[in-house]
Amino acid sequence: MISLGDNIQDFLENTLLIGAIEKDTALIDGGCIDSIQIVELSMFIEETCDVTLVADDMQVENFASIDAIVAFVSQKREIVF
C-alpha cells in the first residue's frame, strides 16, 4: 500500500508537474507551488484522505512540505466532532 506521503509526492510531481522533490522540500517558501496549485492540492487531499478542509486549515505551515502535509492530515483525521 502506498503511503500518504508517497501519494502526495506522486500527485505533486506527476499531476501538478512541479518536478522531482523530496518530502522535506519547501513547497511554498521554495516557490514549488503557487496559490492555484495549493487549491488543487487541497481538493486532492480532501478526495483521497477523506477529510474536509476549512479556511482555517489553509495555513502556510500546513502545506510547507510533504512531511508537514502528512502531519497535518494525520492530525486532522484524529479530530472527532
N, C-alpha and C. Protein backbone atom coordinates (compact mmCIF):
# COMPACT_ATOMS: atom_id res chain seq x y z
N MET A 1 0.84 -1.18 0.00
CA MET A 1 0.00 0.00 0.00
C MET A 1 0.89 1.25 0.00
N ILE A 2 0.53 2.19 -0.82
CA ILE A 2 1.32 3.42 -0.94
C ILE A 2 1.05 4.33 0.26
N SER A 3 2.11 4.94 0.77
CA SER A 3 1.96 5.82 1.93
C SER A 3 1.34 7.15 1.51
N LEU A 4 0.79 7.85 2.47
CA LEU A 4 0.20 9.15 2.20
C LEU A 4 1.23 10.11 1.61
N GLY A 5 2.42 10.11 2.18
CA GLY A 5 3.49 10.98 1.68
C GLY A 5 3.85 10.66 0.24
N ASP A 6 3.94 9.37 -0.09
CA ASP A 6 4.26 8.97 -1.47
C ASP A 6 3.12 9.36 -2.42
N ASN A 7 1.89 9.22 -1.94
CA ASN A 7 0.73 9.57 -2.75
C ASN A 7 0.72 11.07 -3.06
N ILE A 8 1.00 11.88 -2.06
CA ILE A 8 1.05 13.34 -2.25
C ILE A 8 2.22 13.72 -3.16
N GLN A 9 3.36 13.08 -2.94
CA GLN A 9 4.53 13.35 -3.78
C GLN A 9 4.24 13.02 -5.23
N ASP A 10 3.59 11.89 -5.47
CA ASP A 10 3.23 11.49 -6.83
C ASP A 10 2.29 12.53 -7.45
N PHE A 11 1.29 12.99 -6.70
CA PHE A 11 0.36 14.00 -7.21
C PHE A 11 1.10 15.28 -7.57
N LEU A 12 1.98 15.73 -6.68
CA LEU A 12 2.72 16.97 -6.95
C LEU A 12 3.63 16.84 -8.16
N GLU A 13 4.33 15.74 -8.25
CA GLU A 13 5.30 15.56 -9.34
C GLU A 13 4.65 15.24 -10.67
N ASN A 14 3.60 14.42 -10.65
CA ASN A 14 3.05 13.92 -11.90
C ASN A 14 1.75 14.56 -12.35
N THR A 15 1.00 15.15 -11.43
CA THR A 15 -0.23 15.84 -11.82
C THR A 15 0.00 17.34 -11.90
N LEU A 16 0.61 17.89 -10.86
CA LEU A 16 0.89 19.32 -10.88
C LEU A 16 2.19 19.64 -11.62
N LEU A 17 2.96 18.59 -11.94
CA LEU A 17 4.18 18.70 -12.74
C LEU A 17 5.19 19.71 -12.17
N ILE A 18 5.44 19.60 -10.86
CA ILE A 18 6.37 20.55 -10.25
C ILE A 18 7.81 20.05 -10.28
N GLY A 19 8.04 18.89 -10.80
CA GLY A 19 9.39 18.34 -10.86
C GLY A 19 9.69 17.48 -9.65
N ALA A 20 10.86 16.88 -9.64
CA ALA A 20 11.25 15.98 -8.57
C ALA A 20 11.49 16.76 -7.28
N ILE A 21 10.88 16.28 -6.20
CA ILE A 21 11.04 16.92 -4.89
C ILE A 21 11.24 15.84 -3.83
N GLU A 22 11.73 16.28 -2.69
CA GLU A 22 11.87 15.41 -1.53
C GLU A 22 10.71 15.70 -0.58
N LYS A 23 10.54 14.84 0.40
CA LYS A 23 9.42 15.02 1.33
C LYS A 23 9.60 16.24 2.23
N ASP A 24 10.83 16.74 2.35
CA ASP A 24 11.07 17.92 3.18
C ASP A 24 11.31 19.19 2.36
N THR A 25 11.08 19.11 1.05
CA THR A 25 11.25 20.28 0.18
C THR A 25 10.25 21.36 0.57
N ALA A 26 10.72 22.60 0.67
CA ALA A 26 9.85 23.73 0.99
C ALA A 26 8.97 24.02 -0.23
N LEU A 27 7.70 23.66 -0.13
CA LEU A 27 6.79 23.78 -1.28
C LEU A 27 6.40 25.22 -1.57
N ILE A 28 6.00 25.95 -0.54
CA ILE A 28 5.54 27.32 -0.74
C ILE A 28 6.72 28.29 -0.71
N ASP A 29 7.47 28.25 0.38
CA ASP A 29 8.61 29.16 0.51
C ASP A 29 9.67 28.92 -0.55
N GLY A 30 9.74 27.70 -1.05
CA GLY A 30 10.69 27.37 -2.10
C GLY A 30 10.19 27.68 -3.50
N GLY A 31 8.95 28.17 -3.58
CA GLY A 31 8.39 28.54 -4.88
C GLY A 31 7.98 27.36 -5.74
N CYS A 32 7.81 26.18 -5.14
CA CYS A 32 7.44 24.99 -5.91
C CYS A 32 5.98 24.99 -6.32
N ILE A 33 5.10 25.54 -5.46
CA ILE A 33 3.68 25.58 -5.79
C ILE A 33 3.14 26.98 -5.57
N ASP A 34 2.14 27.33 -6.40
CA ASP A 34 1.51 28.64 -6.28
C ASP A 34 0.11 28.47 -5.68
N SER A 35 -0.63 29.55 -5.59
CA SER A 35 -1.93 29.51 -4.92
C SER A 35 -2.94 28.61 -5.63
N ILE A 36 -2.92 28.57 -6.94
CA ILE A 36 -3.82 27.70 -7.69
C ILE A 36 -3.48 26.24 -7.42
N GLN A 37 -2.21 25.93 -7.39
CA GLN A 37 -1.79 24.56 -7.11
C GLN A 37 -2.11 24.15 -5.67
N ILE A 38 -2.10 25.11 -4.75
CA ILE A 38 -2.49 24.80 -3.37
C ILE A 38 -3.96 24.41 -3.32
N VAL A 39 -4.78 25.10 -4.09
CA VAL A 39 -6.21 24.75 -4.16
C VAL A 39 -6.37 23.35 -4.75
N GLU A 40 -5.65 23.06 -5.83
CA GLU A 40 -5.71 21.72 -6.44
C GLU A 40 -5.24 20.65 -5.46
N LEU A 41 -4.16 20.94 -4.75
CA LEU A 41 -3.64 20.00 -3.74
C LEU A 41 -4.66 19.81 -2.62
N SER A 42 -5.29 20.87 -2.19
CA SER A 42 -6.31 20.78 -1.14
C SER A 42 -7.47 19.89 -1.57
N MET A 43 -7.91 20.04 -2.80
CA MET A 43 -9.00 19.20 -3.32
C MET A 43 -8.56 17.74 -3.39
N PHE A 44 -7.33 17.50 -3.81
CA PHE A 44 -6.78 16.14 -3.85
C PHE A 44 -6.75 15.53 -2.45
N ILE A 45 -6.31 16.31 -1.47
CA ILE A 45 -6.25 15.82 -0.09
C ILE A 45 -7.65 15.47 0.41
N GLU A 46 -8.62 16.33 0.16
CA GLU A 46 -9.99 16.05 0.59
C GLU A 46 -10.52 14.77 -0.05
N GLU A 47 -10.26 14.60 -1.33
CA GLU A 47 -10.78 13.44 -2.06
C GLU A 47 -10.10 12.13 -1.64
N THR A 48 -8.81 12.17 -1.44
CA THR A 48 -8.08 10.93 -1.18
C THR A 48 -7.90 10.61 0.29
N CYS A 49 -8.01 11.59 1.15
CA CYS A 49 -7.75 11.38 2.58
C CYS A 49 -9.01 11.38 3.42
N ASP A 50 -10.14 11.60 2.79
CA ASP A 50 -11.42 11.60 3.49
C ASP A 50 -11.43 12.59 4.66
N VAL A 51 -10.95 13.80 4.38
CA VAL A 51 -11.00 14.89 5.35
C VAL A 51 -11.64 16.09 4.67
N THR A 52 -12.19 16.98 5.48
CA THR A 52 -12.76 18.22 4.97
C THR A 52 -11.88 19.36 5.45
N LEU A 53 -11.40 20.16 4.52
CA LEU A 53 -10.57 21.30 4.87
C LEU A 53 -11.44 22.55 4.93
N VAL A 54 -11.17 23.38 5.92
CA VAL A 54 -11.88 24.65 6.07
C VAL A 54 -10.86 25.78 5.93
N ALA A 55 -11.36 26.99 5.87
CA ALA A 55 -10.49 28.15 5.66
C ALA A 55 -9.34 28.21 6.66
N ASP A 56 -9.63 27.89 7.92
CA ASP A 56 -8.58 27.94 8.95
C ASP A 56 -7.46 26.93 8.71
N ASP A 57 -7.73 25.89 7.92
CA ASP A 57 -6.71 24.88 7.61
C ASP A 57 -5.70 25.37 6.59
N MET A 58 -6.05 26.41 5.87
CA MET A 58 -5.21 26.89 4.77
C MET A 58 -4.09 27.79 5.29
N GLN A 59 -3.26 27.22 6.13
CA GLN A 59 -2.12 27.92 6.72
C GLN A 59 -0.84 27.45 6.03
N VAL A 60 0.09 28.36 5.83
CA VAL A 60 1.35 28.03 5.16
C VAL A 60 2.03 26.85 5.83
N GLU A 61 2.02 26.81 7.16
CA GLU A 61 2.73 25.73 7.85
C GLU A 61 2.11 24.36 7.58
N ASN A 62 0.83 24.30 7.25
CA ASN A 62 0.19 23.02 6.95
C ASN A 62 0.60 22.48 5.58
N PHE A 63 1.06 23.35 4.70
CA PHE A 63 1.42 22.97 3.34
C PHE A 63 2.89 23.27 3.04
N ALA A 64 3.69 23.42 4.08
CA ALA A 64 5.09 23.81 3.92
C ALA A 64 5.92 22.76 3.18
N SER A 65 5.60 21.49 3.39
CA SER A 65 6.34 20.39 2.76
C SER A 65 5.41 19.17 2.75
N ILE A 66 5.83 18.13 2.08
CA ILE A 66 5.04 16.89 2.10
C ILE A 66 4.97 16.37 3.54
N ASP A 67 6.09 16.42 4.25
CA ASP A 67 6.09 15.97 5.64
C ASP A 67 5.08 16.75 6.48
N ALA A 68 5.01 18.07 6.26
CA ALA A 68 4.06 18.91 7.00
C ALA A 68 2.62 18.56 6.64
N ILE A 69 2.37 18.28 5.37
CA ILE A 69 1.02 17.90 4.93
C ILE A 69 0.60 16.59 5.57
N VAL A 70 1.50 15.62 5.59
CA VAL A 70 1.20 14.32 6.20
C VAL A 70 0.88 14.49 7.68
N ALA A 71 1.67 15.29 8.38
CA ALA A 71 1.42 15.53 9.81
C ALA A 71 0.08 16.23 10.00
N PHE A 72 -0.21 17.22 9.17
CA PHE A 72 -1.47 17.96 9.26
C PHE A 72 -2.66 17.04 9.00
N VAL A 73 -2.60 16.25 7.95
CA VAL A 73 -3.71 15.36 7.61
C VAL A 73 -3.90 14.30 8.71
N SER A 74 -2.81 13.78 9.24
CA SER A 74 -2.89 12.80 10.32
C SER A 74 -3.57 13.40 11.54
N GLN A 75 -3.20 14.62 11.86
CA GLN A 75 -3.82 15.31 12.99
C GLN A 75 -5.30 15.58 12.70
N LYS A 76 -5.60 15.98 11.50
CA LYS A 76 -6.99 16.27 11.10
C LYS A 76 -7.85 15.03 11.21
N ARG A 77 -7.31 13.88 10.85
CA ARG A 77 -8.05 12.63 10.93
C ARG A 77 -8.36 12.24 12.37
N GLU A 78 -7.53 12.67 13.32
CA GLU A 78 -7.72 12.32 14.72
C GLU A 78 -8.80 13.15 15.39
N ILE A 79 -9.14 14.30 14.82
CA ILE A 79 -10.14 15.18 15.42
C ILE A 79 -11.52 14.56 15.26
N VAL A 80 -12.19 14.37 16.37
CA VAL A 80 -13.53 13.80 16.36
C VAL A 80 -14.49 14.86 16.85
N PHE A 81 -15.54 15.07 16.08
CA PHE A 81 -16.53 16.09 16.46
C PHE A 81 -17.70 15.47 17.16
